[in-house]
């Protein structure tokens, strides 16, 4: 029997395809991490808005009236210590 040298096993026939797959995997992992971060942040933001009275402030405005963020801040139950902020 003759000795045969086998070619190394590769997952792809071209090196450029491997780089594209790695880039795709990195993008996928990045998007998953971003999704996890946002899924954790939303409940915290909602809780803060409820505790500060932002939801009630927006709900008490007449129908069709839009408030800016500074108008909402001025109507909150607590008065800011630094109105220039």
N, C-alpha and C. Protein backbone atom coordinates (compact mmCIF):
# COMPACT_ATOMS: atom_id res chain seq x y z
N UNK A 1 0.83 -1.17 0.00
CA UNK A 1 0.00 0.00 0.00
C UNK A 1 0.88 1.23 0.00
N UNK A 2 0.45 2.16 -0.74
CA UNK A 2 1.19 3.42 -0.83
C UNK A 2 0.68 4.38 0.23
N UNK A 3 1.58 5.20 0.73
CA UNK A 3 1.17 6.23 1.68
C UNK A 3 0.56 7.39 0.92
N UNK A 4 -0.57 7.82 1.37
CA UNK A 4 -1.25 8.95 0.73
C UNK A 4 -1.29 10.11 1.71
N UNK A 5 -0.89 11.27 1.25
CA UNK A 5 -0.99 12.48 2.06
C UNK A 5 -2.34 13.10 1.77
N UNK A 6 -3.11 13.26 2.80
CA UNK A 6 -4.44 13.82 2.62
C UNK A 6 -4.39 15.33 2.72
N UNK A 7 -5.26 15.95 1.97
CA UNK A 7 -5.40 17.41 2.06
C UNK A 7 -6.02 17.76 3.41
N UNK A 8 -5.61 18.88 4.00
CA UNK A 8 -6.23 19.27 5.27
C UNK A 8 -7.72 19.57 5.06
N UNK A 9 -8.50 19.26 6.08
CA UNK A 9 -9.94 19.51 6.00
C UNK A 9 -10.22 20.99 6.17
N UNK A 10 -11.05 21.50 5.32
CA UNK A 10 -11.47 22.90 5.42
C UNK A 10 -12.98 22.95 5.35
N UNK A 11 -13.54 23.99 5.93
CA UNK A 11 -14.99 24.14 5.88
C UNK A 11 -15.43 24.86 4.63
N UNK A 12 -14.50 25.47 3.94
CA UNK A 12 -14.85 26.22 2.75
C UNK A 12 -13.74 26.06 1.72
N UNK A 13 -14.09 26.19 0.47
CA UNK A 13 -13.09 26.01 -0.57
C UNK A 13 -12.23 27.25 -0.77
N UNK A 14 -12.72 28.42 -0.35
CA UNK A 14 -11.95 29.64 -0.54
C UNK A 14 -11.77 30.36 0.79
N UNK A 15 -10.58 30.92 1.02
CA UNK A 15 -10.35 31.65 2.28
C UNK A 15 -11.24 32.88 2.42
N UNK A 16 -11.60 33.52 1.32
CA UNK A 16 -12.45 34.71 1.41
C UNK A 16 -13.83 34.38 1.96
N UNK A 17 -14.32 33.19 1.65
CA UNK A 17 -15.62 32.77 2.16
C UNK A 17 -15.56 32.57 3.67
N UNK A 18 -14.44 32.08 4.16
CA UNK A 18 -14.27 31.91 5.61
C UNK A 18 -14.33 33.26 6.29
N UNK A 19 -13.67 34.27 5.73
CA UNK A 19 -13.70 35.61 6.31
C UNK A 19 -15.12 36.18 6.29
N UNK A 20 -15.85 35.94 5.21
CA UNK A 20 -17.23 36.42 5.13
C UNK A 20 -18.10 35.74 6.19
N UNK A 21 -17.88 34.43 6.40
CA UNK A 21 -18.64 33.72 7.43
C UNK A 21 -18.31 34.25 8.81
N UNK A 22 -17.03 34.53 9.08
CA UNK A 22 -16.63 35.08 10.37
C UNK A 22 -17.25 36.46 10.58
N UNK A 23 -17.27 37.28 9.52
CA UNK A 23 -17.86 38.61 9.62
C UNK A 23 -19.36 38.49 9.89
N UNK A 24 -20.02 37.55 9.22
CA UNK A 24 -21.45 37.33 9.45
C UNK A 24 -21.69 36.91 10.89
N UNK A 25 -20.85 35.99 11.40
CA UNK A 25 -21.00 35.54 12.79
C UNK A 25 -20.80 36.69 13.76
N UNK A 26 -19.81 37.56 13.52
CA UNK A 26 -19.57 38.71 14.40
C UNK A 26 -20.77 39.66 14.38
N UNK A 27 -21.33 39.90 13.20
CA UNK A 27 -22.49 40.78 13.09
C UNK A 27 -23.70 40.18 13.81
N UNK A 28 -23.87 38.88 13.68
CA UNK A 28 -24.99 38.21 14.34
C UNK A 28 -24.86 38.31 15.86
N UNK A 29 -23.66 38.05 16.37
CA UNK A 29 -23.43 38.14 17.81
C UNK A 29 -23.63 39.57 18.29
N UNK A 30 -23.17 40.54 17.50
CA UNK A 30 -23.33 41.94 17.86
C UNK A 30 -24.81 42.32 17.93
N UNK A 31 -25.59 41.89 16.97
CA UNK A 31 -27.02 42.18 16.97
C UNK A 31 -27.74 41.51 18.14
N UNK A 32 -27.32 40.29 18.47
CA UNK A 32 -27.93 39.61 19.62
C UNK A 32 -27.61 40.33 20.92
N UNK A 33 -26.37 40.81 21.06
CA UNK A 33 -25.98 41.55 22.26
C UNK A 33 -26.77 42.85 22.36
N UNK A 34 -26.95 43.53 21.23
CA UNK A 34 -27.73 44.77 21.23
C UNK A 34 -29.18 44.51 21.61
N UNK A 35 -29.74 43.42 21.10
CA UNK A 35 -31.12 43.07 21.42
C UNK A 35 -31.28 42.78 22.92
N UNK A 36 -30.31 42.09 23.51
CA UNK A 36 -30.36 41.81 24.95
C UNK A 36 -30.29 43.10 25.74
N UNK A 37 -29.38 43.99 25.34
CA UNK A 37 -29.22 45.26 26.04
C UNK A 37 -30.51 46.08 26.00
N UNK A 38 -31.11 46.16 24.83
CA UNK A 38 -32.35 46.93 24.69
C UNK A 38 -33.51 46.29 25.45
N UNK A 39 -33.53 44.97 25.48
CA UNK A 39 -34.61 44.31 26.22
C UNK A 39 -34.48 44.52 27.72
N UNK A 40 -33.27 44.79 28.19
CA UNK A 40 -33.07 45.10 29.61
C UNK A 40 -33.34 46.57 29.90
N UNK A 41 -33.05 47.44 28.95
CA UNK A 41 -33.18 48.88 29.18
C UNK A 41 -34.64 49.34 29.16
N UNK A 42 -35.46 48.78 28.30
CA UNK A 42 -36.84 49.26 28.16
C UNK A 42 -37.64 49.19 29.46
N UNK A 43 -37.63 48.07 30.18
CA UNK A 43 -38.39 48.05 31.44
C UNK A 43 -37.89 49.08 32.45
N UNK A 44 -36.59 49.33 32.47
CA UNK A 44 -36.04 50.31 33.40
C UNK A 44 -36.50 51.72 33.05
N UNK A 45 -36.52 52.04 31.77
CA UNK A 45 -36.97 53.36 31.32
C UNK A 45 -38.45 53.53 31.62
N UNK A 46 -39.23 52.51 31.36
CA UNK A 46 -40.67 52.57 31.64
C UNK A 46 -40.93 52.76 33.14
N UNK A 47 -40.19 52.04 33.97
CA UNK A 47 -40.35 52.17 35.43
C UNK A 47 -40.01 53.59 35.88
N UNK A 48 -38.91 54.13 35.36
CA UNK A 48 -38.51 55.49 35.73
C UNK A 48 -39.56 56.51 35.29
N UNK A 49 -40.11 56.33 34.08
CA UNK A 49 -41.14 57.25 33.60
C UNK A 49 -42.39 57.19 34.48
N UNK A 50 -42.75 56.00 34.92
CA UNK A 50 -43.91 55.86 35.80
C UNK A 50 -43.65 56.49 37.16
N UNK A 51 -42.47 56.24 37.73
CA UNK A 51 -42.15 56.79 39.05
C UNK A 51 -42.06 58.31 39.04
N UNK A 52 -41.58 58.88 37.94
CA UNK A 52 -41.44 60.34 37.86
C UNK A 52 -42.75 61.04 37.51
N UNK A 53 -43.73 60.29 37.04
CA UNK A 53 -45.00 60.90 36.69
C UNK A 53 -45.07 61.39 35.26
N UNK A 54 -44.17 60.92 34.42
CA UNK A 54 -44.16 61.36 33.02
C UNK A 54 -45.41 60.88 32.30
N UNK A 55 -45.82 59.64 32.53
CA UNK A 55 -46.99 59.09 31.85
C UNK A 55 -48.25 59.87 32.23
N UNK A 56 -48.41 60.15 33.53
CA UNK A 56 -49.58 60.91 33.98
C UNK A 56 -49.58 62.32 33.41
N UNK A 57 -48.40 62.92 33.34
CA UNK A 57 -48.28 64.28 32.80
C UNK A 57 -48.71 64.32 31.34
N UNK A 58 -48.28 63.35 30.57
CA UNK A 58 -48.65 63.30 29.15
C UNK A 58 -50.14 63.00 29.00
N UNK A 59 -50.67 62.14 29.87
CA UNK A 59 -52.08 61.76 29.78
C UNK A 59 -53.03 62.90 30.13
N UNK A 60 -52.59 63.86 30.95
CA UNK A 60 -53.48 64.95 31.36
C UNK A 60 -53.59 66.06 30.32
N UNK A 61 -52.79 66.02 29.29
CA UNK A 61 -52.82 67.06 28.25
C UNK A 61 -54.04 66.83 27.35
N UNK A 62 -54.59 67.92 26.83
CA UNK A 62 -55.75 67.83 25.95
C UNK A 62 -55.42 66.99 24.71
N UNK A 63 -56.45 66.40 24.15
CA UNK A 63 -56.28 65.56 22.97
C UNK A 63 -55.75 66.38 21.79
N UNK A 64 -54.75 65.86 21.12
CA UNK A 64 -54.17 66.52 19.96
C UNK A 64 -53.05 67.48 20.28
N UNK A 65 -52.76 67.70 21.56
CA UNK A 65 -51.68 68.62 21.95
C UNK A 65 -50.41 67.81 22.17
N UNK A 66 -49.33 68.28 21.57
CA UNK A 66 -48.04 67.61 21.73
C UNK A 66 -47.15 68.45 22.63
N UNK A 67 -46.45 67.79 23.54
CA UNK A 67 -45.55 68.49 24.45
C UNK A 67 -44.10 68.17 24.10
N UNK A 68 -43.26 69.19 24.23
CA UNK A 68 -41.82 68.94 24.07
C UNK A 68 -41.29 68.36 25.37
N UNK A 69 -40.08 67.86 25.34
CA UNK A 69 -39.50 67.27 26.55
C UNK A 69 -39.35 68.31 27.65
N UNK A 70 -39.03 69.56 27.30
CA UNK A 70 -38.90 70.60 28.33
C UNK A 70 -40.27 70.95 28.92
N UNK A 71 -41.33 70.94 28.10
CA UNK A 71 -42.68 71.20 28.62
C UNK A 71 -43.12 70.09 29.56
N UNK A 72 -42.79 68.85 29.22
CA UNK A 72 -43.12 67.73 30.10
C UNK A 72 -42.38 67.87 31.42
N UNK A 73 -41.10 68.23 31.35
CA UNK A 73 -40.29 68.39 32.57
C UNK A 73 -40.85 69.48 33.47
N UNK A 74 -41.34 70.57 32.87
CA UNK A 74 -41.90 71.66 33.67
C UNK A 74 -43.22 71.28 34.34
N UNK A 75 -43.96 70.34 33.74
CA UNK A 75 -45.26 69.94 34.28
C UNK A 75 -45.18 68.77 35.27
N UNK A 76 -44.01 68.22 35.47
CA UNK A 76 -43.87 67.09 36.40
C UNK A 76 -44.20 67.54 37.82
N UNK A 77 -44.66 66.62 38.66
CA UNK A 77 -45.05 66.98 40.02
C UNK A 77 -43.92 67.56 40.86
N UNK A 78 -42.70 67.17 40.60
CA UNK A 78 -41.56 67.72 41.34
C UNK A 78 -40.94 68.83 40.52
N UNK A 79 -40.59 69.90 41.18
CA UNK A 79 -39.97 71.02 40.49
C UNK A 79 -38.46 70.79 40.41
N UNK A 80 -37.86 71.05 39.26
CA UNK A 80 -36.42 70.83 39.12
C UNK A 80 -35.63 71.85 39.95
N UNK A 81 -34.50 71.41 40.48
CA UNK A 81 -33.64 72.32 41.24
C UNK A 81 -32.79 73.16 40.31
N UNK A 82 -32.59 72.68 39.08
CA UNK A 82 -31.80 73.41 38.10
C UNK A 82 -32.64 73.56 36.83
N UNK A 83 -33.42 74.63 36.69
CA UNK A 83 -34.29 74.78 35.52
C UNK A 83 -33.53 74.99 34.22
N UNK A 84 -32.24 75.32 34.29
CA UNK A 84 -31.44 75.52 33.08
C UNK A 84 -30.95 74.20 32.50
N UNK A 85 -31.09 73.10 33.22
CA UNK A 85 -30.58 71.81 32.76
C UNK A 85 -31.41 71.26 31.64
